Amino acid sequence: YTDDLELKYDLNHALYEEYQSFKYDSAYFYAKNSSYIAHRLSDTDK
């Protein structure tokens, strides 16, 4: 419920990185979450 989108992005992307060589469907889920948050942040790098 935090408004800290930077933190939410970092946590979702970190989970993607953990899952990317471990479980692809979970990696994809967190990658999509990260993309949605990055769009809300209007952060080009993210």
All heavy atoms as atom14 arrays in JSON, in Angstrom:
{
  "sequence": "YTDDLELKYDLNHALYEEYQSFKYDSAYFYAKNSSYIAHRLSDTDK",
  "atom14_mask": [
    [1, 1, 1, 1, 1, 1, 1, 1, 1, 1, 1, 1, 0, 0],
    [1, 1, 1, 1, 1, 1, 1, 0, 0, 0, 0, 0, 0, 0],
    [1, 1, 1, 1, 1, 1, 1, 1, 0, 0, 0, 0, 0, 0],
    [1, 1, 1, 1, 1, 1, 1, 1, 0, 0, 0, 0, 0, 0],
    [1, 1, 1, 1, 1, 1, 1, 1, 0, 0, 0, 0, 0, 0],
    [1, 1, 1, 1, 1, 1, 1, 1, 1, 0, 0, 0, 0, 0],
    [1, 1, 1, 1, 1, 1, 1, 1, 0, 0, 0, 0, 0, 0],
    [1, 1, 1, 1, 1, 1, 1, 1, 1, 0, 0, 0, 0, 0],
    [1, 1, 1, 1, 1, 1, 1, 1, 1, 1, 1, 1, 0, 0],
    [1, 1, 1, 1, 1, 1, 1, 1, 0, 0, 0, 0, 0, 0],
    [1, 1, 1, 1, 1, 1, 1, 1, 0, 0, 0, 0, 0, 0],
    [1, 1, 1, 1, 1, 1, 1, 1, 0, 0, 0, 0, 0, 0],
    [1, 1, 1, 1, 1, 1, 1, 1, 1, 1, 0, 0, 0, 0],
    [1, 1, 1, 1, 1, 0, 0, 0, 0, 0, 0, 0, 0, 0],
    [1, 1, 1, 1, 1, 1, 1, 1, 0, 0, 0, 0, 0, 0],
    [1, 1, 1, 1, 1, 1, 1, 1, 1, 1, 1, 1, 0, 0],
    [1, 1, 1, 1, 1, 1, 1, 1, 1, 0, 0, 0, 0, 0],
    [1, 1, 1, 1, 1, 1, 1, 1, 1, 0, 0, 0, 0, 0],
    [1, 1, 1, 1, 1, 1, 1, 1, 1, 1, 1, 1, 0, 0],
    [1, 1, 1, 1, 1, 1, 1, 1, 1, 0, 0, 0, 0, 0],
    [1, 1, 1, 1, 1, 1, 0, 0, 0, 0, 0, 0, 0, 0],
    [1, 1, 1, 1, 1, 1, 1, 1, 1, 1, 1, 0, 0, 0],
    [1, 1, 1, 1, 1, 1, 1, 1, 1, 0, 0, 0, 0, 0],
    [1, 1, 1, 1, 1, 1, 1, 1, 1, 1, 1, 1, 0, 0],
    [1, 1, 1, 1, 1, 1, 1, 1, 0, 0, 0, 0, 0, 0],
    [1, 1, 1, 1, 1, 1, 0, 0, 0, 0, 0, 0, 0, 0],
    [1, 1, 1, 1, 1, 0, 0, 0, 0, 0, 0, 0, 0, 0],
    [1, 1, 1, 1, 1, 1, 1, 1, 1, 1, 1, 1, 0, 0],
    [1, 1, 1, 1, 1, 1, 1, 1, 1, 1, 1, 0, 0, 0],
    [1, 1, 1, 1, 1, 1, 1, 1, 1, 1, 1, 1, 0, 0],
    [1, 1, 1, 1, 1, 0, 0, 0, 0, 0, 0, 0, 0, 0],
    [1, 1, 1, 1, 1, 1, 1, 1, 1, 0, 0, 0, 0, 0],
    [1, 1, 1, 1, 1, 1, 1, 1, 0, 0, 0, 0, 0, 0],
    [1, 1, 1, 1, 1, 1, 0, 0, 0, 0, 0, 0, 0, 0],
    [1, 1, 1, 1, 1, 1, 0, 0, 0, 0, 0, 0, 0, 0],
    [1, 1, 1, 1, 1, 1, 1, 1, 1, 1, 1, 1, 0, 0],
    [1, 1, 1, 1, 1, 1, 1, 1, 0, 0, 0, 0, 0, 0],
    [1, 1, 1, 1, 1, 0, 0, 0, 0, 0, 0, 0, 0, 0],
    [1, 1, 1, 1, 1, 1, 1, 1, 1, 1, 0, 0, 0, 0],
    [1, 1, 1, 1, 1, 1, 1, 1, 1, 1, 1, 0, 0, 0],
    [1, 1, 1, 1, 1, 1, 1, 1, 0, 0, 0, 0, 0, 0],
    [1, 1, 1, 1, 1, 1, 0, 0, 0, 0, 0, 0, 0, 0],
    [1, 1, 1, 1, 1, 1, 1, 1, 0, 0, 0, 0, 0, 0],
    [1, 1, 1, 1, 1, 1, 1, 0, 0, 0, 0, 0, 0, 0],
    [1, 1, 1, 1, 1, 1, 1, 1, 0, 0, 0, 0, 0, 0],
    [1, 1, 1, 1, 1, 1, 1, 1, 1, 0, 0, 0, 0, 0]
  ],
  "atom14_positions": [
    [[0.81, -1.22, 0.0], [0.0, 0.0, 0.0], [0.85, 1.27, 0.0], [0.32, 2.38, 0.15], [-0.93, 0.01, 1.21], [-1.96, -1.09, 1.17], [-1.85, -2.2, 1.99], [-3.04, -1.02, 0.28], [-2.79, -3.22, 1.94], [-3.99, -2.02, 0.23], [-3.85, -3.13, 1.06], [-4.78, -4.14, 1.0], [0.0, 0.0, 0.0], [0.0, 0.0, 0.0]],
    [[2.15, 1.11, -0.17], [3.01, 2.29, -0.18], [2.88, 3.07, -1.48], [2.54, 2.51, -2.53], [4.49, 1.88, 0.02], [5.29, 3.08, 0.09], [4.98, 1.05, -1.15], [0.0, 0.0, 0.0], [0.0, 0.0, 0.0], [0.0, 0.0, 0.0], [0.0, 0.0, 0.0], [0.0, 0.0, 0.0], [0.0, 0.0, 0.0], [0.0, 0.0, 0.0]],
    [[3.12, 4.38, -1.38], [3.12, 5.23, -2.58], [4.51, 5.32, -3.19], [4.7, 6.04, -4.19], [2.63, 6.64, -2.22], [1.16, 6.67, -1.81], [0.4, 5.85, -2.36], [0.79, 7.49, -0.95], [0.0, 0.0, 0.0], [0.0, 0.0, 0.0], [0.0, 0.0, 0.0], [0.0, 0.0, 0.0], [0.0, 0.0, 0.0], [0.0, 0.0, 0.0]],
    [[5.45, 4.63, -2.6], [6.84, 4.66, -3.07], [6.99, 3.73, -4.28], [7.28, 2.54, -4.15], [7.78, 4.22, -1.95], [9.25, 4.44, -2.3], [9.55, 4.66, -3.49], [10.09, 4.34, -1.39], [0.0, 0.0, 0.0], [0.0, 0.0, 0.0], [0.0, 0.0, 0.0], [0.0, 0.0, 0.0], [0.0, 0.0, 0.0], [0.0, 0.0, 0.0]],
    [[6.76, 4.28, -5.47], [6.82, 3.47, -6.69], [8.24, 3.01, -6.99], [8.42, 1.93, -7.59], [6.27, 4.27, -7.88], [4.77, 4.6, -7.83], [4.37, 5.39, -9.08], [3.94, 3.32, -7.73], [0.0, 0.0, 0.0], [0.0, 0.0, 0.0], [0.0, 0.0, 0.0], [0.0, 0.0, 0.0], [0.0, 0.0, 0.0], [0.0, 0.0, 0.0]],
    [[9.24, 3.79, -6.6], [10.63, 3.38, -6.8], [10.9, 2.08, -6.06], [11.51, 1.15, -6.6], [11.59, 4.47, -6.3], [11.58, 5.74, -7.11], [12.49, 5.66, -8.33], [13.2, 4.65, -8.47], [12.47, 6.61, -9.13], [0.0, 0.0, 0.0], [0.0, 0.0, 0.0], [0.0, 0.0, 0.0], [0.0, 0.0, 0.0], [0.0, 0.0, 0.0]],
    [[10.45, 2.0, -4.82], [10.63, 0.79, -4.02], [9.88, -0.38, -4.63], [10.42, -1.5, -4.74], [10.15, 1.03, -2.59], [10.19, -0.2, -1.66], [11.62, -0.73, -1.52], [9.61, 0.14, -0.3], [0.0, 0.0, 0.0], [0.0, 0.0, 0.0], [0.0, 0.0, 0.0], [0.0, 0.0, 0.0], [0.0, 0.0, 0.0], [0.0, 0.0, 0.0]],
    [[8.65, -0.13, -5.07], [7.87, -1.21, -5.69], [8.55, -1.73, -6.95], [8.59, -2.93, -7.21], [6.45, -0.72, -6.02], [5.54, -0.63, -4.81], [4.11, -0.32, -5.24], [3.16, -0.38, -4.06], [1.75, -0.12, -4.46], [0.0, 0.0, 0.0], [0.0, 0.0, 0.0], [0.0, 0.0, 0.0], [0.0, 0.0, 0.0], [0.0, 0.0, 0.0]],
    [[9.1, -0.79, -7.73], [9.81, -1.21, -8.94], [11.01, -2.06, -8.57], [11.23, -3.13, -9.15], [10.27, -0.01, -9.76], [11.05, -0.43, -10.99], [10.39, -0.7, -12.19], [12.43, -0.63, -10.93], [11.09, -1.14, -13.3], [13.14, -1.07, -12.04], [12.46, -1.32, -13.22], [13.18, -1.79, -14.31], [0.0, 0.0, 0.0], [0.0, 0.0, 0.0]],
    [[11.8, -1.59, -7.61], [13.02, -2.31, -7.23], [12.71, -3.73, -6.74], [13.4, -4.68, -7.09], [13.77, -1.55, -6.13], [14.37, -0.25, -6.65], [14.57, -0.12, -7.87], [14.65, 0.64, -5.82], [0.0, 0.0, 0.0], [0.0, 0.0, 0.0], [0.0, 0.0, 0.0], [0.0, 0.0, 0.0], [0.0, 0.0, 0.0], [0.0, 0.0, 0.0]],
    [[11.66, -3.87, -5.95], [11.29, -5.17, -5.43], [10.8, -6.11, -6.54], [11.18, -7.28, -6.59], [10.22, -5.03, -4.34], [10.68, -4.37, -3.04], [9.49, -4.07, -2.14], [11.68, -5.26, -2.31], [0.0, 0.0, 0.0], [0.0, 0.0, 0.0], [0.0, 0.0, 0.0], [0.0, 0.0, 0.0], [0.0, 0.0, 0.0], [0.0, 0.0, 0.0]],
    [[9.97, -5.59, -7.43], [9.46, -6.41, -8.53], [10.59, -6.81, -9.48], [10.66, -7.96, -9.92], [8.37, -5.66, -9.31], [7.0, -5.82, -8.69], [6.31, -6.81, -8.9], [6.61, -4.84, -7.88], [0.0, 0.0, 0.0], [0.0, 0.0, 0.0], [0.0, 0.0, 0.0], [0.0, 0.0, 0.0], [0.0, 0.0, 0.0], [0.0, 0.0, 0.0]],
    [[11.49, -5.86, -9.77], [12.58, -6.2, -10.69], [13.57, -7.16, -10.03], [14.12, -8.03, -10.71], [13.31, -4.93, -11.14], [14.26, -5.19, -12.26], [13.85, -5.45, -13.55], [15.63, -5.27, -12.29], [14.9, -5.66, -14.32], [15.99, -5.56, -13.57], [0.0, 0.0, 0.0], [0.0, 0.0, 0.0], [0.0, 0.0, 0.0], [0.0, 0.0, 0.0]],
    [[13.79, -7.0, -8.75], [14.67, -7.94, -8.04], [14.08, -9.36, -8.07], [14.82, -10.34, -8.22], [14.88, -7.48, -6.6], [0.0, 0.0, 0.0], [0.0, 0.0, 0.0], [0.0, 0.0, 0.0], [0.0, 0.0, 0.0], [0.0, 0.0, 0.0], [0.0, 0.0, 0.0], [0.0, 0.0, 0.0], [0.0, 0.0, 0.0], [0.0, 0.0, 0.0]],
    [[12.77, -9.46, -7.93], [12.12, -10.78, -8.02], [12.24, -11.36, -9.43], [12.46, -12.56, -9.61], [10.66, -10.67, -7.59], [10.45, -10.68, -6.08], [9.08, -10.13, -5.71], [10.63, -12.1, -5.53], [0.0, 0.0, 0.0], [0.0, 0.0, 0.0], [0.0, 0.0, 0.0], [0.0, 0.0, 0.0], [0.0, 0.0, 0.0], [0.0, 0.0, 0.0]],
    [[12.09, -10.51, -10.43], [12.32, -10.97, -11.81], [13.73, -11.54, -11.95], [13.92, -12.62, -12.52], [12.13, -9.82, -12.8], [12.94, -10.01, -14.06], [12.55, -10.93, -15.03], [14.14, -9.32, -14.25], [13.33, -11.15, -16.17], [14.91, -9.52, -15.37], [14.51, -10.45, -16.32], [15.29, -10.67, -17.44], [0.0, 0.0, 0.0], [0.0, 0.0, 0.0]],
    [[14.72, -10.82, -11.43], [16.11, -11.27, -11.56], [16.34, -12.59, -10.85], [17.11, -13.44, -11.31], [17.06, -10.2, -11.01], [17.14, -8.96, -11.89], [18.19, -7.98, -11.42], [18.32, -7.8, -10.18], [18.89, -7.4, -12.26], [0.0, 0.0, 0.0], [0.0, 0.0, 0.0], [0.0, 0.0, 0.0], [0.0, 0.0, 0.0], [0.0, 0.0, 0.0]],
    [[15.69, -12.78, -9.71], [15.83, -14.05, -8.99], [15.18, -15.2, -9.76], [15.69, -16.32, -9.78], [15.22, -13.95, -7.59], [15.97, -13.05, -6.64], [17.33, -13.61, -6.25], [17.63, -14.79, -6.56], [18.11, -12.86, -5.63], [0.0, 0.0, 0.0], [0.0, 0.0, 0.0], [0.0, 0.0, 0.0], [0.0, 0.0, 0.0], [0.0, 0.0, 0.0]],
    [[14.05, -14.92, -10.39], [13.3, -15.98, -11.07], [13.78, -16.24, -12.5], [13.45, -17.28, -13.07], [11.82, -15.6, -11.13], [11.02, -15.98, -9.9], [10.38, -15.0, -9.14], [10.88, -17.31, -9.53], [9.62, -15.35, -8.03], [10.12, -17.66, -8.42], [9.5, -16.68, -7.66], [8.75, -17.03, -6.56], [0.0, 0.0, 0.0], [0.0, 0.0, 0.0]],
    [[14.55, -15.32, -13.11], [14.81, -15.41, -14.54], [15.54, -16.68, -14.96], [15.37, -17.16, -16.08], [15.58, -14.18, -15.02], [16.99, -14.05, -14.48], [17.72, -12.87, -15.09], [17.48, -12.5, -16.23], [18.61, -12.26, -14.34], [0.0, 0.0, 0.0], [0.0, 0.0, 0.0], [0.0, 0.0, 0.0], [0.0, 0.0, 0.0], [0.0, 0.0, 0.0]],
    [[16.34, -17.26, -14.09], [17.02, -18.52, -14.41], [16.47, -19.66, -13.57], [17.09, -20.72, -13.44], [18.53, -18.39, -14.18], [18.79, -18.08, -12.82], [0.0, 0.0, 0.0], [0.0, 0.0, 0.0], [0.0, 0.0, 0.0], [0.0, 0.0, 0.0], [0.0, 0.0, 0.0], [0.0, 0.0, 0.0], [0.0, 0.0, 0.0], [0.0, 0.0, 0.0]],
    [[15.29, -19.45, -13.02], [14.74, -20.37, -12.03], [13.33, -20.82, -12.38], [13.02, -22.01, -12.34], [14.76, -19.67, -10.66], [14.57, -20.56, -9.48], [15.41, -21.62, -9.24], [13.56, -20.3, -8.57], [15.25, -22.43, -8.13], [13.39, -21.1, -7.45], [14.24, -22.17, -7.23], [0.0, 0.0, 0.0], [0.0, 0.0, 0.0], [0.0, 0.0, 0.0]],
    [[12.48, -19.86, -12.76], [11.08, -20.16, -13.06], [10.55, -19.06, -13.98], [10.27, -17.95, -13.54], [10.26, -20.22, -11.77], [8.86, -20.79, -11.94], [8.18, -20.91, -10.59], [6.77, -21.5, -10.75], [6.06, -21.56, -9.45], [0.0, 0.0, 0.0], [0.0, 0.0, 0.0], [0.0, 0.0, 0.0], [0.0, 0.0, 0.0], [0.0, 0.0, 0.0]],
    [[10.43, -19.37, -15.29], [10.16, -18.34, -16.29], [8.8, -17.68, -16.15], [8.66, -16.48, -16.39], [10.32, -18.92, -17.69], [11.75, -19.24, -18.06], [12.07, -20.41, -18.73], [12.78, -18.38, -17.72], [13.39, -20.71, -19.06], [14.1, -18.67, -18.04], [14.39, -19.84, -18.71], [15.69, -20.13, -19.02], [0.0, 0.0, 0.0], [0.0, 0.0, 0.0]],
    [[7.78, -18.44, -15.79], [6.45, -17.83, -15.7], [6.4, -16.79, -14.57], [5.78, -15.73, -14.71], [5.35, -18.88, -15.53], [5.56, -19.78, -14.32], [6.69, -19.82, -13.79], [4.6, -20.47, -13.92], [0.0, 0.0, 0.0], [0.0, 0.0, 0.0], [0.0, 0.0, 0.0], [0.0, 0.0, 0.0], [0.0, 0.0, 0.0], [0.0, 0.0, 0.0]],
    [[7.08, -17.08, -13.47], [7.15, -16.12, -12.38], [8.01, -14.91, -12.78], [7.68, -13.76, -12.45], [7.73, -16.76, -11.12], [6.86, -17.77, -10.64], [0.0, 0.0, 0.0], [0.0, 0.0, 0.0], [0.0, 0.0, 0.0], [0.0, 0.0, 0.0], [0.0, 0.0, 0.0], [0.0, 0.0, 0.0], [0.0, 0.0, 0.0], [0.0, 0.0, 0.0]],
    [[9.1, -15.17, -13.49], [9.95, -14.08, -13.97], [9.15, -13.14, -14.86], [9.26, -11.91, -14.75], [11.15, -14.64, -14.73], [0.0, 0.0, 0.0], [0.0, 0.0, 0.0], [0.0, 0.0, 0.0], [0.0, 0.0, 0.0], [0.0, 0.0, 0.0], [0.0, 0.0, 0.0], [0.0, 0.0, 0.0], [0.0, 0.0, 0.0], [0.0, 0.0, 0.0]],
    [[8.33, -13.71, -15.75], [7.51, -12.9, -16.66], [6.5, -12.06, -15.88], [6.28, -10.89, -16.2], [6.8, -13.82, -17.65], [5.94, -13.08, -18.65], [6.53, -12.39, -19.71], [4.56, -13.1, -18.55], [5.75, -11.71, -20.64], [3.77, -12.44, -19.48], [4.37, -11.75, -20.52], [3.59, -11.08, -21.42], [0.0, 0.0, 0.0], [0.0, 0.0, 0.0]],
    [[5.91, -12.64, -14.86], [4.91, -11.93, -14.05], [5.54, -10.68, -13.43], [4.96, -9.57, -13.51], [4.38, -12.86, -12.95], [3.49, -12.18, -11.95], [2.15, -11.95, -12.25], [3.98, -11.77, -10.71], [1.31, -11.31, -11.33], [3.15, -11.13, -9.8], [1.81, -10.91, -10.1], [0.0, 0.0, 0.0], [0.0, 0.0, 0.0], [0.0, 0.0, 0.0]],
    [[6.72, -10.82, -12.85], [7.36, -9.68, -12.19], [7.97, -8.71, -13.2], [8.07, -7.5, -12.93], [8.39, -10.16, -11.18], [7.74, -10.8, -9.97], [7.8, -12.17, -9.75], [7.03, -10.02, -9.06], [7.18, -12.76, -8.65], [6.4, -10.59, -7.96], [6.48, -11.96, -7.77], [5.85, -12.53, -6.69], [0.0, 0.0, 0.0], [0.0, 0.0, 0.0]],
    [[8.36, -9.21, -14.36], [8.84, -8.32, -15.42], [7.71, -7.41, -15.9], [7.91, -6.21, -16.13], [9.41, -9.12, -16.57], [0.0, 0.0, 0.0], [0.0, 0.0, 0.0], [0.0, 0.0, 0.0], [0.0, 0.0, 0.0], [0.0, 0.0, 0.0], [0.0, 0.0, 0.0], [0.0, 0.0, 0.0], [0.0, 0.0, 0.0], [0.0, 0.0, 0.0]],
    [[6.53, -7.98, -16.07], [5.36, -7.19, -16.5], [4.99, -6.16, -15.42], [4.66, -5.01, -15.75], [4.17, -8.11, -16.78], [4.34, -9.0, -18.01], [4.23, -8.19, -19.3], [2.81, -7.79, -19.6], [2.69, -7.12, -20.93], [0.0, 0.0, 0.0], [0.0, 0.0, 0.0], [0.0, 0.0, 0.0], [0.0, 0.0, 0.0], [0.0, 0.0, 0.0]],
    [[5.03, -6.57, -14.16], [4.77, -5.63, -13.08], [5.76, -4.47, -13.1], [5.39, -3.31, -12.94], [4.86, -6.34, -11.72], [3.62, -7.14, -11.39], [2.63, -7.12, -12.13], [3.67, -7.88, -10.3], [0.0, 0.0, 0.0], [0.0, 0.0, 0.0], [0.0, 0.0, 0.0], [0.0, 0.0, 0.0], [0.0, 0.0, 0.0], [0.0, 0.0, 0.0]],
    [[7.03, -4.81, -13.32], [8.07, -3.79, -13.37], [7.81, -2.8, -14.51], [7.99, -1.59, -14.36], [9.45, -4.45, -13.56], [9.75, -5.3, -12.48], [0.0, 0.0, 0.0], [0.0, 0.0, 0.0], [0.0, 0.0, 0.0], [0.0, 0.0, 0.0], [0.0, 0.0, 0.0], [0.0, 0.0, 0.0], [0.0, 0.0, 0.0], [0.0, 0.0, 0.0]],
    [[7.4, -3.33, -15.66], [7.14, -2.48, -16.82], [5.99, -1.51, -16.53], [6.06, -0.33, -16.9], [6.81, -3.35, -18.04], [6.59, -2.57, -19.18], [0.0, 0.0, 0.0], [0.0, 0.0, 0.0], [0.0, 0.0, 0.0], [0.0, 0.0, 0.0], [0.0, 0.0, 0.0], [0.0, 0.0, 0.0], [0.0, 0.0, 0.0], [0.0, 0.0, 0.0]],
    [[4.96, -1.99, -15.89], [3.81, -1.15, -15.55], [4.23, -0.02, -14.61], [3.86, 1.15, -14.79], [2.71, -2.0, -14.91], [1.56, -1.21, -14.34], [0.65, -0.56, -15.17], [1.4, -1.1, -12.96], [-0.4, 0.18, -14.64], [0.36, -0.36, -12.42], [-0.54, 0.28, -13.27], [-1.57, 1.01, -12.74], [0.0, 0.0, 0.0], [0.0, 0.0, 0.0]],
    [[5.03, -0.36, -13.6], [5.48, 0.64, -12.62], [6.42, 1.64, -13.28], [6.36, 2.85, -13.0], [6.14, -0.04, -11.42], [5.13, -0.95, -10.7], [6.69, 1.0, -10.44], [5.75, -1.87, -9.66], [0.0, 0.0, 0.0], [0.0, 0.0, 0.0], [0.0, 0.0, 0.0], [0.0, 0.0, 0.0], [0.0, 0.0, 0.0], [0.0, 0.0, 0.0]],
    [[7.31, 1.16, -14.14], [8.25, 2.05, -14.85], [7.5, 3.08, -15.68], [7.89, 4.25, -15.75], [9.18, 1.23, -15.74], [0.0, 0.0, 0.0], [0.0, 0.0, 0.0], [0.0, 0.0, 0.0], [0.0, 0.0, 0.0], [0.0, 0.0, 0.0], [0.0, 0.0, 0.0], [0.0, 0.0, 0.0], [0.0, 0.0, 0.0], [0.0, 0.0, 0.0]],
    [[6.4, 2.64, -16.31], [5.58, 3.56, -17.1], [4.96, 4.63, -16.2], [4.94, 5.82, -16.56], [4.48, 2.78, -17.82], [3.55, 3.63, -18.62], [3.92, 4.25, -19.79], [2.25, 4.01, -18.4], [2.91, 4.94, -20.28], [1.89, 4.81, -19.45], [0.0, 0.0, 0.0], [0.0, 0.0, 0.0], [0.0, 0.0, 0.0], [0.0, 0.0, 0.0]],
    [[4.5, 4.24, -15.03], [3.92, 5.2, -14.09], [4.97, 6.18, -13.59], [4.66, 7.34, -13.31], [3.29, 4.46, -12.91], [2.04, 3.66, -13.25], [1.44, 3.03, -12.0], [0.99, 4.04, -11.05], [0.62, 3.76, -9.79], [0.67, 2.5, -9.36], [0.22, 4.73, -8.99], [0.0, 0.0, 0.0], [0.0, 0.0, 0.0], [0.0, 0.0, 0.0]],
    [[6.21, 5.71, -13.48], [7.3, 6.57, -13.01], [7.82, 7.5, -14.1], [8.52, 8.47, -13.8], [8.46, 5.71, -12.5], [8.3, 5.04, -11.14], [9.39, 3.99, -10.95], [8.37, 6.08, -10.03], [0.0, 0.0, 0.0], [0.0, 0.0, 0.0], [0.0, 0.0, 0.0], [0.0, 0.0, 0.0], [0.0, 0.0, 0.0], [0.0, 0.0, 0.0]],
    [[7.5, 7.18, -15.35], [8.05, 7.92, -16.5], [9.58, 7.94, -16.45], [10.22, 8.95, -16.75], [7.51, 9.36, -16.53], [6.11, 9.37, -16.67], [0.0, 0.0, 0.0], [0.0, 0.0, 0.0], [0.0, 0.0, 0.0], [0.0, 0.0, 0.0], [0.0, 0.0, 0.0], [0.0, 0.0, 0.0], [0.0, 0.0, 0.0], [0.0, 0.0, 0.0]],
    [[10.13, 6.8, -16.05], [11.58, 6.65, -15.93], [12.1, 5.92, -17.17], [11.79, 4.75, -17.39], [11.92, 5.86, -14.67], [13.4, 5.79, -14.39], [14.16, 5.37, -15.29], [13.81, 6.14, -13.26], [0.0, 0.0, 0.0], [0.0, 0.0, 0.0], [0.0, 0.0, 0.0], [0.0, 0.0, 0.0], [0.0, 0.0, 0.0], [0.0, 0.0, 0.0]],
    [[12.9, 6.61, -17.98], [13.36, 6.05, -19.25], [14.21, 4.81, -19.06], [14.02, 3.79, -19.74], [14.18, 7.1, -20.04], [13.4, 8.28, -20.18], [14.54, 6.57, -21.41], [0.0, 0.0, 0.0], [0.0, 0.0, 0.0], [0.0, 0.0, 0.0], [0.0, 0.0, 0.0], [0.0, 0.0, 0.0], [0.0, 0.0, 0.0], [0.0, 0.0, 0.0]],
    [[15.16, 4.86, -18.13], [16.03, 3.71, -17.91], [15.26, 2.5, -17.4], [15.47, 1.37, -17.87], [17.15, 4.06, -16.91], [18.22, 4.94, -17.53], [18.85, 4.51, -18.51], [18.41, 6.07, -17.05], [0.0, 0.0, 0.0], [0.0, 0.0, 0.0], [0.0, 0.0, 0.0], [0.0, 0.0, 0.0], [0.0, 0.0, 0.0], [0.0, 0.0, 0.0]],
    [[14.36, 2.73, -16.46], [13.58, 1.61, -15.93], [12.62, 1.05, -16.99], [12.36, -0.16, -17.02], [12.81, 2.05, -14.69], [13.67, 2.2, -13.44], [12.83, 2.62, -12.25], [13.64, 2.57, -10.95], [14.83, 3.43, -10.98], [0.0, 0.0, 0.0], [0.0, 0.0, 0.0], [0.0, 0.0, 0.0], [0.0, 0.0, 0.0], [0.0, 0.0, 0.0]]
  ]
}
